[in-house]
Amino acid sequence: MIKVLYSCFEQKLTDRELSTYLALFPASIRTRILRFQRWQDVQACLYGKLLLRKGLEEFGVTCDLGKLQYTSYSRPYIDKDIDFNISHSGHYVTCALSDFSKVGIDIEHVSPIAIEDFKCYMLPDEWNKITGSTNKYYDFYTYWTQKESIVKADGRGLVIPLEEIIVRNNEAKIANTTWYLKKLKLAEDYVVHLASDAAGIDPIVCKVEL
């Protein structure tokens, strides 16, 4: 089973609300959450951990996030039988979990950026489509979230050059692994892709009110 939990925040939590949520986590996680300066970043990190906690509970896993471990590529894991990945952008936070495959998820708010700075990460045909599009930011983020979700699922980060990821018919092959993509519609003006090394991705998608 693959589950995608997501939530949205638009207002700053009160100090009391923040303290109540933080009390759910061990000191190591609280420190990680509070290392940010902007309240938006604090809440994005907090919501990501809350979604992970809820997701693990739904998979029947004891959710002591103090036991988070990290691979040599700094990819977090807590139970080798459950793979997970968290992403956030704008007001939205997502968490994908699976009990049978590797997963990666990436969400991006479609907003104007200097896309020319990212030309080196795109293949020539991808770049031509982006620059020739009537909605170039949407097309850019479509390619970007596809590549990022695969990289995050693989777990080796930028060891894998984004410009070498070739997506055809929602599939991409890296080394000996084929990654499958699923586009998710969670909110207007956001692009989301889920990647898995299992074919026929059919995630259960749930919005969580926090």
C-alpha atoms as a PDB file:
ATOM      1  CA  MET A   1       0.000   0.000   0.000  1.00  0.00           C
ATOM      2  CA  ILE A   2       1.138   3.532  -0.760  1.00  0.00           C
ATOM      3  CA  LYS A   3      -0.378   6.417   1.176  1.00  0.00           C
ATOM      4  CA  VAL A   4      -0.001  10.117   0.551  1.00  0.00           C
ATOM      5  CA  LEU A   5      -1.015  12.388   3.418  1.00  0.00           C
ATOM      6  CA  TYR A   6      -1.079  16.130   2.951  1.00  0.00           C
ATOM      7  CA  SER A   7      -2.028  19.213   4.908  1.00  0.00           C
ATOM      8  CA  CYS A   8      -2.181  22.962   4.478  1.00  0.00           C
ATOM      9  CA  PHE A   9      -1.401  25.911   6.708  1.00  0.00           C
ATOM     10  CA  GLU A  10      -1.901  29.589   6.009  1.00  0.00           C
ATOM     11  CA  GLN A  11      -1.721  31.165   9.444  1.00  0.00           C
ATOM     12  CA  LYS A  12       0.929  31.106  12.131  1.00  0.00           C
ATOM     13  CA  LEU A  13       0.223  28.806  15.053  1.00  0.00           C
ATOM     14  CA  THR A  14      -0.146  30.419  18.442  1.00  0.00           C
ATOM     15  CA  ASP A  15       2.659  29.789  20.909  1.00  0.00           C
ATOM     16  CA  ARG A  16       0.327  27.477  22.817  1.00  0.00           C
ATOM     17  CA  GLU A  17      -0.581  25.482  19.709  1.00  0.00           C
ATOM     18  CA  LEU A  18       3.058  25.184  18.712  1.00  0.00           C
ATOM     19  CA  SER A  19       4.057  24.023  22.191  1.00  0.00           C
ATOM     20  CA  THR A  20       1.263  21.430  22.210  1.00  0.00           C
ATOM     21  CA  TYR A  21       2.430  19.955  18.906  1.00  0.00           C
ATOM     22  CA  LEU A  22       6.109  20.048  19.869  1.00  0.00           C
ATOM     23  CA  ALA A  23       5.337  18.122  23.066  1.00  0.00           C
ATOM     24  CA  LEU A  24       4.442  15.124  20.877  1.00  0.00           C
ATOM     25  CA  PHE A  25       8.066  14.727  19.806  1.00  0.00           C
ATOM     26  CA  PRO A  26      11.381  13.909  21.505  1.00  0.00           C
ATOM     27  CA  ALA A  27      13.928  16.646  22.107  1.00  0.00           C
ATOM     28  CA  SER A  28      15.975  15.771  19.008  1.00  0.00           C
ATOM     29  CA  ILE A  29      12.973  16.367  16.739  1.00  0.00           C
ATOM     30  CA  ARG A  30      11.919  19.537  18.557  1.00  0.00           C
ATOM     31  CA  THR A  31      15.425  20.926  18.068  1.00  0.00           C
ATOM     32  CA  ARG A  32      15.328  20.062  14.370  1.00  0.00           C
ATOM     33  CA  ILE A  33      11.956  21.806  13.954  1.00  0.00           C
ATOM     34  CA  LEU A  34      12.956  24.949  15.844  1.00  0.00           C
ATOM     35  CA  ARG A  35      16.254  25.442  14.032  1.00  0.00           C
ATOM     36  CA  PHE A  36      14.479  27.544  11.420  1.00  0.00           C
ATOM     37  CA  GLN A  37      14.110  31.314  11.685  1.00  0.00           C
ATOM     38  CA  ARG A  38      10.927  31.854   9.647  1.00  0.00           C
ATOM     39  CA  TRP A  39       7.672  30.652  11.178  1.00  0.00           C
ATOM     40  CA  GLN A  40       6.624  29.279   7.795  1.00  0.00           C
ATOM     41  CA  ASP A  41       9.670  26.988   7.753  1.00  0.00           C
ATOM     42  CA  VAL A  42       9.079  25.942  11.360  1.00  0.00           C
ATOM     43  CA  GLN A  43       5.505  24.953  10.570  1.00  0.00           C
ATOM     44  CA  ALA A  44       6.398  23.200   7.337  1.00  0.00           C
ATOM     45  CA  CYS A  45       8.925  21.056   9.198  1.00  0.00           C
ATOM     46  CA  LEU A  46       6.479  20.491  12.060  1.00  0.00           C
ATOM     47  CA  TYR A  47       3.632  19.491   9.756  1.00  0.00           C
ATOM     48  CA  GLY A  48       5.908  17.116   7.902  1.00  0.00           C
ATOM     49  CA  LYS A  49       6.743  15.321  11.152  1.00  0.00           C
ATOM     50  CA  LEU A  50       3.065  15.298  12.187  1.00  0.00           C
ATOM     51  CA  LEU A  51       2.073  13.721   8.875  1.00  0.00           C
ATOM     52  CA  LEU A  52       4.864  11.165   9.193  1.00  0.00           C
ATOM     53  CA  ARG A  53       3.758  10.342  12.730  1.00  0.00           C
ATOM     54  CA  LYS A  54       0.166   9.854  11.615  1.00  0.00           C
ATOM     55  CA  GLY A  55       1.190   7.831   8.579  1.00  0.00           C
ATOM     56  CA  LEU A  56       3.352   5.475  10.610  1.00  0.00           C
ATOM     57  CA  GLU A  57       0.489   4.960  13.064  1.00  0.00           C
ATOM     58  CA  GLU A  58      -1.795   4.033  10.161  1.00  0.00           C
ATOM     59  CA  PHE A  59       0.756   1.430   9.072  1.00  0.00           C
ATOM     60  CA  GLY A  60       0.873   0.059  12.605  1.00  0.00           C
ATOM     61  CA  VAL A  61       4.421   1.234  13.291  1.00  0.00           C
ATOM     62  CA  THR A  62       5.450   2.549  16.702  1.00  0.00           C
ATOM     63  CA  CYS A  63       6.071   6.195  15.948  1.00  0.00           C
ATOM     64  CA  ASP A  64       9.057   7.113  18.111  1.00  0.00           C
ATOM     65  CA  LEU A  65      10.627   9.616  15.761  1.00  0.00           C
ATOM     66  CA  GLY A  66      13.551   9.865  18.131  1.00  0.00           C
ATOM     67  CA  LYS A  67      14.692   6.648  16.449  1.00  0.00           C
ATOM     68  CA  LEU A  68      15.063   8.298  13.073  1.00  0.00           C
ATOM     69  CA  GLN A  69      18.215   7.105  11.358  1.00  0.00           C
ATOM     70  CA  TYR A  70      19.957   8.301   8.226  1.00  0.00           C
ATOM     71  CA  THR A  71      21.598   6.534   5.326  1.00  0.00           C
ATOM     72  CA  SER A  72      25.079   7.476   4.138  1.00  0.00           C
ATOM     73  CA  TYR A  73      23.296   9.849   1.733  1.00  0.00           C
ATOM     74  CA  SER A  74      21.375  11.496   4.632  1.00  0.00           C
ATOM     75  CA  ARG A  75      18.030   9.941   3.667  1.00  0.00           C
ATOM     76  CA  PRO A  76      15.974   9.413   6.857  1.00  0.00           C
ATOM     77  CA  TYR A  77      14.365   6.111   7.792  1.00  0.00           C
ATOM     78  CA  ILE A  78      12.784   4.681  10.906  1.00  0.00           C
ATOM     79  CA  ASP A  79      11.588   1.208   9.942  1.00  0.00           C
ATOM     80  CA  LYS A  80      13.066  -0.700   7.029  1.00  0.00           C
ATOM     81  CA  ASP A  81       9.644  -2.165   6.276  1.00  0.00           C
ATOM     82  CA  ILE A  82       8.130   1.306   5.750  1.00  0.00           C
ATOM     83  CA  ASP A  83       9.607   3.763   3.293  1.00  0.00           C
ATOM     84  CA  PHE A  84       8.628   7.425   3.477  1.00  0.00           C
ATOM     85  CA  ASN A  85       9.395  10.786   1.979  1.00  0.00           C
ATOM     86  CA  ILE A  86       8.302  14.328   2.872  1.00  0.00           C
ATOM     87  CA  SER A  87       8.018  17.439   0.708  1.00  0.00           C
ATOM     88  CA  HIS A  88       6.646  20.931   1.209  1.00  0.00           C
ATOM     89  CA  SER A  89       6.173  24.103  -0.776  1.00  0.00           C
ATOM     90  CA  GLY A  90       4.158  27.221  -0.131  1.00  0.00           C
ATOM     91  CA  HIS A  91       1.364  26.379   2.303  1.00  0.00           C
ATOM     92  CA  TYR A  92       1.288  22.655   1.561  1.00  0.00           C
ATOM     93  CA  VAL A  93       3.124  19.733   3.139  1.00  0.00           C
ATOM     94  CA  THR A  94       3.028  16.145   1.865  1.00  0.00           C
ATOM     95  CA  CYS A  95       4.211  12.795   3.176  1.00  0.00           C
ATOM     96  CA  ALA A  96       4.285   9.597   1.117  1.00  0.00           C
ATOM     97  CA  LEU A  97       4.614   6.185   2.794  1.00  0.00           C
ATOM     98  CA  SER A  98       4.784   2.648   1.425  1.00  0.00           C
ATOM     99  CA  ASP A  99       5.072  -0.826   2.925  1.00  0.00           C
ATOM    100  CA  PHE A 100       6.219  -2.521  -0.291  1.00  0.00           C
ATOM    101  CA  SER A 101       8.239  -0.066  -2.380  1.00  0.00           C
ATOM    102  CA  LYS A 102      10.584   2.892  -2.320  1.00  0.00           C
ATOM    103  CA  VAL A 103       8.775   6.213  -2.651  1.00  0.00           C
ATOM    104  CA  GLY A 104       9.648   9.820  -3.318  1.00  0.00           C
ATOM    105  CA  ILE A 105       7.362  12.829  -3.501  1.00  0.00           C
ATOM    106  CA  ASP A 106       7.887  16.406  -4.567  1.00  0.00           C
ATOM    107  CA  ILE A 107       5.456  19.311  -4.436  1.00  0.00           C
ATOM    108  CA  GLU A 108       6.094  22.764  -5.857  1.00  0.00           C
ATOM    109  CA  HIS A 109       4.033  25.929  -5.830  1.00  0.00           C
ATOM    110  CA  VAL A 110       3.766  27.236  -9.383  1.00  0.00           C
ATOM    111  CA  SER A 111       5.192  30.731  -9.117  1.00  0.00           C
ATOM    112  CA  PRO A 112       7.504  32.877 -11.236  1.00  0.00           C
ATOM    113  CA  ILE A 113      11.221  32.131 -10.864  1.00  0.00           C
ATOM    114  CA  ALA A 114      14.325  32.686 -12.945  1.00  0.00           C
ATOM    115  CA  ILE A 115      13.974  29.414 -14.820  1.00  0.00           C
ATOM    116  CA  GLU A 116      17.027  30.247 -16.918  1.00  0.00           C
ATOM    117  CA  ASP A 117      19.100  29.329 -13.848  1.00  0.00           C
ATOM    118  CA  PHE A 118      17.838  25.747 -14.180  1.00  0.00           C
ATOM    119  CA  LYS A 119      18.498  25.200 -17.877  1.00  0.00           C
ATOM    120  CA  CYS A 120      21.483  22.954 -17.082  1.00  0.00           C
ATOM    121  CA  TYR A 121      19.165  20.457 -15.366  1.00  0.00           C
ATOM    122  CA  MET A 122      16.928  19.976 -18.399  1.00  0.00           C
ATOM    123  CA  LEU A 123      17.323  17.985 -21.587  1.00  0.00           C
ATOM    124  CA  PRO A 124      17.205  20.020 -24.825  1.00  0.00           C
ATOM    125  CA  ASP A 125      13.670  18.855 -25.717  1.00  0.00           C
ATOM    126  CA  GLU A 126      12.457  19.570 -22.182  1.00  0.00           C
ATOM    127  CA  TRP A 127      13.939  23.050 -22.292  1.00  0.00           C
ATOM    128  CA  ASN A 128      12.432  23.755 -25.688  1.00  0.00           C
ATOM    129  CA  LYS A 129       8.997  22.744 -24.429  1.00  0.00           C
ATOM    130  CA  ILE A 130       9.344  24.941 -21.341  1.00  0.00           C
ATOM    131  CA  THR A 131      10.513  28.047 -23.195  1.00  0.00           C
ATOM    132  CA  GLY A 132       7.948  27.576 -25.958  1.00  0.00           C
ATOM    133  CA  SER A 133       5.034  27.007 -23.600  1.00  0.00           C
ATOM    134  CA  THR A 134       2.219  29.450 -22.893  1.00  0.00           C
ATOM    135  CA  ASN A 135       2.513  28.315 -19.259  1.00  0.00           C
ATOM    136  CA  LYS A 136       6.274  27.928 -18.897  1.00  0.00           C
ATOM    137  CA  TYR A 137       6.299  27.890 -15.098  1.00  0.00           C
ATOM    138  CA  TYR A 138       3.806  25.031 -14.943  1.00  0.00           C
ATOM    139  CA  ASP A 139       5.785  23.008 -17.482  1.00  0.00           C
ATOM    140  CA  PHE A 140       9.040  23.752 -15.674  1.00  0.00           C
ATOM    141  CA  TYR A 141       7.663  22.547 -12.337  1.00  0.00           C
ATOM    142  CA  THR A 142       6.198  19.476 -14.014  1.00  0.00           C
ATOM    143  CA  TYR A 143       9.638  18.371 -15.172  1.00  0.00           C
ATOM    144  CA  TRP A 144      11.253  19.483 -11.927  1.00  0.00           C
ATOM    145  CA  THR A 145       8.899  17.537  -9.648  1.00  0.00           C
ATOM    146  CA  GLN A 146       9.239  14.448 -11.837  1.00  0.00           C
ATOM    147  CA  LYS A 147      13.015  14.508 -11.536  1.00  0.00           C
ATOM    148  CA  GLU A 148      13.063  15.484  -7.861  1.00  0.00           C
ATOM    149  CA  SER A 149      10.591  12.785  -6.807  1.00  0.00           C
ATOM    150  CA  ILE A 150      12.729  10.145  -8.534  1.00  0.00           C
ATOM    151  CA  VAL A 151      15.936  11.436  -6.954  1.00  0.00           C
ATOM    152  CA  LYS A 152      14.282  11.469  -3.536  1.00  0.00           C
ATOM    153  CA  ALA A 153      12.937   7.941  -3.976  1.00  0.00           C
ATOM    154  CA  ASP A 154      16.341   6.682  -5.083  1.00  0.00           C
ATOM    155  CA  GLY A 155      17.842   8.244  -1.967  1.00  0.00           C
ATOM    156  CA  ARG A 156      21.240   9.246  -3.331  1.00  0.00           C
ATOM    157  CA  GLY A 157      20.390  12.901  -3.836  1.00  0.00           C
ATOM    158  CA  LEU A 158      22.345  14.937  -6.354  1.00  0.00           C
ATOM    159  CA  VAL A 159      24.725  12.042  -6.951  1.00  0.00           C
ATOM    160  CA  ILE A 160      22.189  11.512  -9.738  1.00  0.00           C
ATOM    161  CA  PRO A 161      22.413  14.443 -12.191  1.00  0.00           C
ATOM    162  CA  LEU A 162      18.908  15.757 -12.874  1.00  0.00           C
ATOM    163  CA  GLU A 163      19.773  16.392 -16.506  1.00  0.00           C
ATOM    164  CA  GLU A 164      20.402  12.662 -16.974  1.00  0.00           C
ATOM    165  CA  ILE A 165      16.916  11.644 -15.849  1.00  0.00           C
ATOM    166  CA  ILE A 166      14.882  10.940 -18.969  1.00  0.00           C
ATOM    167  CA  VAL A 167      11.148  10.497 -18.366  1.00  0.00           C
ATOM    168  CA  ARG A 168       9.108   8.717 -21.015  1.00  0.00           C
ATOM    169  CA  ASN A 169       5.466   7.772 -20.476  1.00  0.00           C
ATOM    170  CA  ASN A 170       5.796   8.409 -16.733  1.00  0.00           C
ATOM    171  CA  GLU A 171       8.778   6.079 -16.412  1.00  0.00           C
ATOM    172  CA  ALA A 172      12.495   6.638 -15.976  1.00  0.00           C
ATOM    173  CA  LYS A 173      15.366   4.197 -15.624  1.00  0.00           C
ATOM    174  CA  ILE A 174      18.376   4.885 -13.424  1.00  0.00           C
ATOM    175  CA  ALA A 175      21.074   2.221 -13.342  1.00  0.00           C
ATOM    176  CA  ASN A 176      19.124  -1.025 -12.950  1.00  0.00           C
ATOM    177  CA  THR A 177      15.992   0.481 -11.423  1.00  0.00           C
ATOM    178  CA  THR A 178      12.877   1.601 -13.272  1.00  0.00           C
ATOM    179  CA  TRP A 179      10.974   4.377 -11.538  1.00  0.00           C
ATOM    180  CA  TYR A 180       7.286   4.957 -12.134  1.00  0.00           C
ATOM    181  CA  LEU A 181       5.604   8.333 -11.764  1.00  0.00           C
ATOM    182  CA  LYS A 182       2.139   9.418 -10.737  1.00  0.00           C
ATOM    183  CA  LYS A 183       0.941  12.999 -10.995  1.00  0.00           C
ATOM    184  CA  LEU A 184      -1.257  14.043  -8.084  1.00  0.00           C
ATOM    185  CA  LYS A 185      -3.705  16.927  -7.955  1.00  0.00           C
ATOM    186  CA  LEU A 186      -3.752  18.230  -4.397  1.00  0.00           C
ATOM    187  CA  ALA A 187      -4.391  21.954  -4.852  1.00  0.00           C
ATOM    188  CA  GLU A 188      -4.632  24.687  -7.448  1.00  0.00           C
ATOM    189  CA  ASP A 189      -1.318  26.231  -8.498  1.00  0.00           C
ATOM    190  CA  TYR A 190       0.679  23.277  -7.167  1.00  0.00           C
ATOM    191  CA  VAL A 191       2.370  20.475  -9.088  1.00  0.00           C
ATOM    192  CA  VAL A 192       2.986  17.153  -7.346  1.00  0.00           C
ATOM    193  CA  HIS A 193       4.655  13.957  -8.519  1.00  0.00           C
ATOM    194  CA  LEU A 194       4.998  10.661  -6.688  1.00  0.00           C
ATOM    195  CA  ALA A 195       7.722   8.205  -7.684  1.00  0.00           C
ATOM    196  CA  SER A 196       7.933   4.509  -6.846  1.00  0.00           C
ATOM    197  CA  ASP A 197       9.951   1.520  -7.966  1.00  0.00           C
ATOM    198  CA  ALA A 198       6.685  -0.462  -8.180  1.00  0.00           C
ATOM    199  CA  ALA A 199       4.574  -0.301 -11.320  1.00  0.00           C
ATOM    200  CA  GLY A 200       0.907   0.623 -11.298  1.00  0.00           C
ATOM    201  CA  ILE A 201       1.069   3.336  -8.637  1.00  0.00           C
ATOM    202  CA  ASP A 202      -2.375   3.768  -7.087  1.00  0.00           C
ATOM    203  CA  PRO A 203      -1.882   5.690  -3.839  1.00  0.00           C
ATOM    204  CA  ILE A 204      -4.473   6.372  -1.181  1.00  0.00           C
ATOM    205  CA  VAL A 205      -4.497  10.160  -0.891  1.00  0.00           C
ATOM    206  CA  CYS A 206      -5.825  11.774   2.291  1.00  0.00           C
ATOM    207  CA  LYS A 207      -5.993  15.386   3.401  1.00  0.00           C
ATOM    208  CA  VAL A 208      -5.210  15.728   7.092  1.00  0.00           C
ATOM    209  CA  GLU A 209      -6.610  18.611   9.111  1.00  0.00           C
ATOM    210  CA  LEU A 210      -4.064  19.610  11.752  1.00  0.00           C
END
